[in-house]
N, C-alpha and C. Protein backbone atom coordinates (compact mmCIF):
# COMPACT_ATOMS: atom_id res chain seq x y z
N MET A 1 1.19 -12.02 -10.66
CA MET A 1 0.27 -13.02 -9.28
C MET A 1 -0.83 -13.32 -9.15
N ILE A 2 -0.93 -13.67 -7.91
CA ILE A 2 -2.28 -14.32 -8.28
C ILE A 2 -2.00 -14.66 -6.57
N ALA A 3 -3.85 -13.83 -6.52
CA ALA A 3 -4.12 -13.79 -5.28
C ALA A 3 -5.07 -15.27 -4.58
N HIS A 4 -4.73 -15.51 -3.64
CA HIS A 4 -5.60 -16.53 -2.53
C HIS A 4 -7.22 -16.62 -3.01
N ASP A 5 -7.41 -15.90 -2.76
CA ASP A 5 -8.49 -15.19 -3.14
C ASP A 5 -9.59 -16.06 -4.55
N ASP A 6 -8.58 -15.74 -5.29
CA ASP A 6 -8.80 -15.52 -6.93
C ASP A 6 -8.98 -16.86 -7.20
N VAL A 7 -8.07 -18.17 -6.17
CA VAL A 7 -7.96 -19.67 -7.07
C VAL A 7 -8.64 -20.52 -5.79
N PHE A 8 -8.26 -19.82 -4.03
CA PHE A 8 -9.26 -20.51 -2.86
C PHE A 8 -10.44 -20.06 -2.56
N ASP A 9 -11.05 -21.08 -2.04
CA ASP A 9 -12.42 -20.38 -1.11
C ASP A 9 -11.34 -19.58 0.08
N GLN A 10 -12.46 -18.33 0.53
CA GLN A 10 -11.94 -17.44 1.90
C GLN A 10 -11.44 -18.45 2.54
N ASP A 11 -11.77 -19.41 3.48
CA ASP A 11 -12.40 -20.38 4.41
C ASP A 11 -11.25 -21.09 3.80
N THR A 12 -10.50 -21.61 3.02
CA THR A 12 -9.20 -22.66 3.28
C THR A 12 -8.26 -23.20 3.70
N ASP A 13 -8.71 -23.89 4.16
CA ASP A 13 -7.11 -24.56 5.58
C ASP A 13 -5.41 -24.07 4.81
N ASP A 14 -5.60 -23.26 6.10
CA ASP A 14 -3.86 -22.53 5.19
C ASP A 14 -2.62 -24.29 5.02
N ASP A 15 -2.68 -25.37 5.31
CA ASP A 15 -2.02 -26.65 4.64
C ASP A 15 -2.96 -26.89 4.16
N VAL A 16 -3.30 -27.32 3.46
CA VAL A 16 -4.49 -26.94 1.86
C VAL A 16 -3.83 -26.28 0.95
N TRP A 17 -4.38 -24.84 1.15
CA TRP A 17 -3.92 -23.78 -0.57
C TRP A 17 -1.52 -23.76 -0.03
N LEU A 18 -1.47 -24.34 1.25
CA LEU A 18 0.18 -24.33 0.91
C LEU A 18 0.05 -25.34 0.44
N ALA A 19 0.22 -26.95 0.34
CA ALA A 19 0.37 -27.53 -0.58
C ALA A 19 0.49 -27.34 -1.51
N GLU A 20 -1.35 -26.44 -2.19
CA GLU A 20 -1.41 -26.52 -3.95
C GLU A 20 -0.42 -25.72 -4.73
N ALA A 21 -0.12 -24.63 -3.46
CA ALA A 21 0.69 -23.53 -3.54
C ALA A 21 2.36 -23.65 -4.13
N GLY A 22 2.92 -25.57 -3.41
CA GLY A 22 3.85 -25.60 -3.51
C GLY A 22 4.26 -26.21 -4.76
N ARG A 23 2.90 -27.22 -4.93
CA ARG A 23 2.59 -28.18 -6.04
C ARG A 23 2.69 -27.29 -7.86
N CYS A 24 1.97 -26.00 -7.61
CA CYS A 24 2.36 -25.06 -8.53
C CYS A 24 4.23 -23.97 -8.39
N GLY A 25 4.89 -24.31 -7.30
CA GLY A 25 6.03 -23.47 -7.26
C GLY A 25 5.69 -22.15 -6.94
N TRP A 26 4.75 -22.02 -6.30
CA TRP A 26 4.50 -20.67 -6.50
C TRP A 26 5.50 -19.84 -5.08
N ILE A 27 5.91 -18.90 -4.87
CA ILE A 27 6.43 -18.29 -4.15
C ILE A 27 5.09 -17.52 -3.09
N VAL A 28 4.70 -17.72 -2.54
CA VAL A 28 3.95 -16.80 -0.39
C VAL A 28 4.19 -15.89 -0.17
N LEU A 29 3.73 -14.53 -0.37
CA LEU A 29 3.57 -13.36 0.14
C LEU A 29 1.99 -13.34 1.81
N THR A 30 2.39 -13.25 2.19
CA THR A 30 1.26 -12.95 3.76
C THR A 30 2.01 -12.05 4.53
N ARG A 31 0.74 -11.68 4.86
CA ARG A 31 0.44 -10.99 6.86
C ARG A 31 0.90 -11.25 6.77
N ASP A 32 0.32 -12.79 7.70
CA ASP A 32 -0.52 -13.01 8.76
C ASP A 32 0.91 -13.75 8.98
N ASP A 33 2.06 -13.09 10.26
CA ASP A 33 3.14 -13.95 10.23
C ASP A 33 3.10 -15.19 11.63
N ARG A 34 2.20 -15.44 11.96
CA ARG A 34 1.87 -16.27 13.16
C ARG A 34 1.77 -17.82 12.72
N ILE A 35 1.66 -18.14 11.34
CA ILE A 35 1.93 -19.07 10.21
C ILE A 35 2.97 -19.64 10.91
N ARG A 36 3.96 -18.97 11.06
CA ARG A 36 5.83 -20.18 11.92
C ARG A 36 5.09 -20.23 13.21
N TYR A 37 4.08 -20.20 13.70
CA TYR A 37 3.79 -20.74 15.47
C TYR A 37 2.67 -22.20 15.18
N ARG A 38 2.31 -22.53 13.63
CA ARG A 38 1.58 -23.44 13.43
C ARG A 38 2.19 -24.31 12.96
N PRO A 39 1.83 -25.93 13.36
CA PRO A 39 2.37 -27.09 12.85
C PRO A 39 2.02 -26.94 11.73
N ALA A 40 0.54 -27.44 11.67
CA ALA A 40 0.01 -28.11 10.23
C ALA A 40 0.72 -27.22 9.03
N GLU A 41 1.05 -25.46 9.54
CA GLU A 41 1.00 -24.33 8.10
C GLU A 41 2.82 -24.72 8.04
N GLN A 42 3.63 -25.32 9.11
CA GLN A 42 5.06 -25.76 8.86
C GLN A 42 5.20 -26.75 7.96
N GLN A 43 4.41 -27.66 8.57
CA GLN A 43 4.80 -28.77 8.28
C GLN A 43 4.24 -28.42 6.36
N ALA A 44 3.40 -27.89 6.47
CA ALA A 44 3.32 -27.91 4.64
C ALA A 44 4.05 -26.71 3.93
N ILE A 45 4.14 -25.57 4.78
CA ILE A 45 5.50 -25.10 3.77
C ILE A 45 6.77 -25.49 3.90
N LEU A 46 7.45 -27.10 4.81
CA LEU A 46 8.36 -27.24 4.87
C LEU A 46 8.36 -29.20 3.91
N ASP A 47 7.26 -29.62 3.71
CA ASP A 47 7.08 -30.71 2.61
C ASP A 47 6.74 -29.92 0.96
N ALA A 48 5.87 -28.66 1.22
CA ALA A 48 5.72 -28.48 0.03
C ALA A 48 7.18 -27.64 -0.72
N GLY A 49 8.24 -27.67 -0.24
CA GLY A 49 9.39 -26.30 0.05
C GLY A 49 9.70 -25.20 -0.25
N ILE A 50 8.10 -24.64 -0.08
CA ILE A 50 7.36 -23.05 -0.75
C ILE A 50 9.13 -22.12 0.46
N VAL A 51 9.05 -21.38 -0.38
CA VAL A 51 9.87 -20.32 0.37
C VAL A 51 8.42 -18.88 0.69
N CYS A 52 8.33 -18.99 1.88
CA CYS A 52 6.81 -17.77 1.65
C CYS A 52 8.05 -16.27 2.96
N PHE A 53 7.35 -15.55 2.54
CA PHE A 53 7.81 -14.15 2.95
C PHE A 53 6.49 -13.49 3.49
N CYS A 54 6.35 -12.93 4.99
CA CYS A 54 5.31 -12.65 5.94
C CYS A 54 5.96 -11.26 6.30
N LEU A 55 4.78 -10.78 6.74
CA LEU A 55 5.69 -9.11 7.20
C LEU A 55 5.48 -8.75 8.12
N HIS A 56 6.57 -8.59 8.73
CA HIS A 56 6.18 -9.57 10.78
C HIS A 56 6.54 -7.42 11.11
N PRO A 57 6.41 -7.21 11.47
CA PRO A 57 4.95 -7.37 12.04
C PRO A 57 3.75 -6.37 10.75
N SER A 58 2.62 -6.47 10.94
CA SER A 58 1.60 -6.44 9.90
C SER A 58 0.07 -5.28 10.61
N LYS A 59 0.45 -5.24 11.48
CA LYS A 59 -0.34 -4.58 12.14
C LYS A 59 -0.76 -3.23 11.95
N GLY A 60 -1.57 -2.87 11.83
CA GLY A 60 -2.47 -1.20 11.29
C GLY A 60 -1.37 -0.91 10.05
N MET A 61 -1.16 -2.11 8.40
CA MET A 61 -0.43 -1.50 7.51
C MET A 61 -1.54 -1.50 6.96
N THR A 62 -1.72 -0.59 5.34
CA THR A 62 -2.51 -0.69 5.23
C THR A 62 -2.55 -1.78 3.57
N GLY A 63 -3.00 -1.75 2.68
CA GLY A 63 -2.90 -2.75 1.34
C GLY A 63 -1.01 -2.05 0.60
N GLU A 64 -1.40 -0.43 0.87
CA GLU A 64 -1.02 0.29 0.08
C GLU A 64 0.97 0.04 0.88
N ASP A 65 0.80 0.33 1.85
CA ASP A 65 1.50 0.15 2.70
C ASP A 65 2.48 -1.63 2.62
N MET A 66 2.37 -2.30 2.66
CA MET A 66 2.19 -3.37 2.08
C MET A 66 2.62 -3.88 0.99
N ALA A 67 2.31 -3.73 0.08
CA ALA A 67 2.67 -3.39 -1.17
C ALA A 67 4.01 -2.50 -1.84
N GLY A 68 3.73 -1.97 -0.84
CA GLY A 68 5.25 -1.13 -1.09
C GLY A 68 6.51 -1.81 -0.70
N VAL A 69 5.90 -1.90 0.30
CA VAL A 69 7.46 -2.42 1.10
C VAL A 69 7.92 -4.05 0.35
N PHE A 70 6.33 -4.96 0.23
CA PHE A 70 7.10 -6.03 -0.66
C PHE A 70 7.94 -5.61 -2.21
N ALA A 71 6.95 -4.27 -2.72
CA ALA A 71 7.82 -3.98 -3.76
C ALA A 71 9.26 -3.45 -3.59
N ALA A 72 9.65 -2.94 -2.49
CA ALA A 72 10.76 -2.65 -1.58
C ALA A 72 12.07 -2.89 -2.29
N VAL A 73 11.52 -4.48 -1.51
CA VAL A 73 12.68 -5.65 -1.65
C VAL A 73 12.67 -6.67 -1.67
N LEU A 74 11.76 -6.67 -3.37
CA LEU A 74 11.38 -7.24 -4.46
C LEU A 74 12.71 -8.10 -4.28
N PRO A 75 13.56 -7.85 -5.04
CA PRO A 75 15.06 -8.46 -6.01
C PRO A 75 15.64 -8.99 -5.08
N ARG A 76 15.71 -8.60 -3.22
CA ARG A 76 15.92 -9.94 -2.14
C ARG A 76 15.25 -10.73 -2.40
N MET A 77 14.20 -10.74 -2.45
CA MET A 77 13.23 -11.85 -1.71
C MET A 77 13.65 -12.72 -2.97
N LEU A 78 13.29 -11.99 -4.54
CA LEU A 78 13.96 -13.41 -5.43
C LEU A 78 14.89 -13.63 -5.49
N ALA A 79 16.03 -13.12 -4.84
CA ALA A 79 17.52 -13.80 -4.76
C ALA A 79 17.09 -14.78 -3.54
N ILE A 80 16.17 -14.56 -2.60
CA ILE A 80 16.21 -15.66 -1.72
C ILE A 80 15.59 -16.71 -1.96
N ALA A 81 14.39 -16.34 -2.94
CA ALA A 81 13.94 -17.59 -3.54
C ALA A 81 14.56 -18.62 -4.41
N LEU A 82 14.64 -17.96 -4.87
CA LEU A 82 15.71 -19.25 -6.27
C LEU A 82 17.40 -19.82 -5.43
N ARG A 83 17.12 -18.90 -4.06
CA ARG A 83 18.39 -20.11 -3.88
C ARG A 83 17.90 -20.52 -2.50
N ARG A 84 16.74 -20.37 -1.85
CA ARG A 84 16.65 -21.38 -0.86
C ARG A 84 15.29 -22.64 -1.49
N ARG A 85 14.29 -22.14 -2.85
CA ARG A 85 14.16 -22.70 -3.29
C ARG A 85 14.04 -24.21 -3.29
N GLY A 86 12.37 -25.07 -3.24
CA GLY A 86 12.33 -26.34 -2.44
C GLY A 86 12.62 -26.58 -1.27
N THR A 87 13.48 -25.98 -0.20
CA THR A 87 13.43 -26.20 0.59
C THR A 87 12.73 -25.87 1.52
N GLY A 88 11.69 -25.03 1.40
CA GLY A 88 10.50 -24.76 2.71
C GLY A 88 11.22 -24.34 3.96
N CYS A 89 11.03 -21.94 3.87
CA CYS A 89 11.00 -21.17 4.60
C CYS A 89 10.23 -20.73 5.23
N ILE A 90 10.39 -19.96 5.97
CA ILE A 90 9.79 -18.59 6.49
C ILE A 90 10.40 -17.39 6.42
N ILE A 91 10.68 -16.42 5.30
CA ILE A 91 11.63 -15.26 5.49
C ILE A 91 10.42 -13.64 6.17
N GLY A 92 10.78 -13.30 7.58
CA GLY A 92 9.88 -12.39 7.71
C GLY A 92 10.45 -11.34 6.52
N VAL A 93 9.67 -10.42 6.83
CA VAL A 93 10.49 -8.79 6.51
C VAL A 93 9.55 -7.90 6.82
N SER A 94 10.59 -6.84 7.35
CA SER A 94 10.03 -5.89 8.57
C SER A 94 9.61 -4.17 7.61
N ARG A 95 8.85 -3.51 8.69
CA ARG A 95 7.74 -2.63 7.74
C ARG A 95 9.51 -1.81 6.83
N THR A 96 10.15 -1.71 7.50
CA THR A 96 11.85 -0.98 6.90
C THR A 96 12.56 -1.90 6.18
N GLY A 97 12.05 -2.96 5.77
CA GLY A 97 12.36 -3.95 4.11
C GLY A 97 13.32 -4.73 5.45
N ARG A 98 13.39 -5.28 6.27
CA ARG A 98 14.54 -5.73 6.86
C ARG A 98 14.33 -7.27 6.61
N LEU A 99 15.18 -8.69 5.84
CA LEU A 99 14.54 -10.00 6.25
C LEU A 99 15.28 -10.63 6.93
N ARG A 100 14.64 -11.39 7.46
CA ARG A 100 15.32 -12.89 8.25
C ARG A 100 14.34 -13.66 8.26
N GLN A 101 15.30 -15.02 8.51
CA GLN A 101 14.70 -16.52 8.60
C GLN A 101 14.02 -16.56 10.16
N LEU A 102 12.67 -17.08 9.58
CA LEU A 102 11.72 -16.90 10.81
C LEU A 102 11.80 -18.56 11.33
N TYR A 103 11.14 -19.39 10.17
CA TYR A 103 11.28 -20.81 9.78
C TYR A 103 11.92 -21.54 9.16
N PRO A 104 12.66 -22.38 9.32
CA PRO A 104 13.23 -23.10 10.48
C PRO A 104 14.10 -22.06 11.15
N ARG A 105 14.75 -22.41 12.21
CA ARG A 105 15.61 -21.35 12.79
C ARG A 105 16.61 -22.32 13.23
């Protein structure tokens, strides 16, 4: 796993690091579910063909809580990522492990 801050400055614009993530073929995990409303980020995800999983909602969750949710649904996330590879999409991950496509609809 590669953490954002291991590769990019913390204040790197989302569209910049998303483009690089796409070039590298990375699957993106984030707690920023507002990313689906930002046109520049949406376009970067589509252009780069990124499969992005975001916790929806993540408010009040600790890092351990978030890791636990992602770990619990990892097999399903990987299946979706393989099926959707190169298409660009945002998949919401609920606290209970429910997965649903948030963007594009």
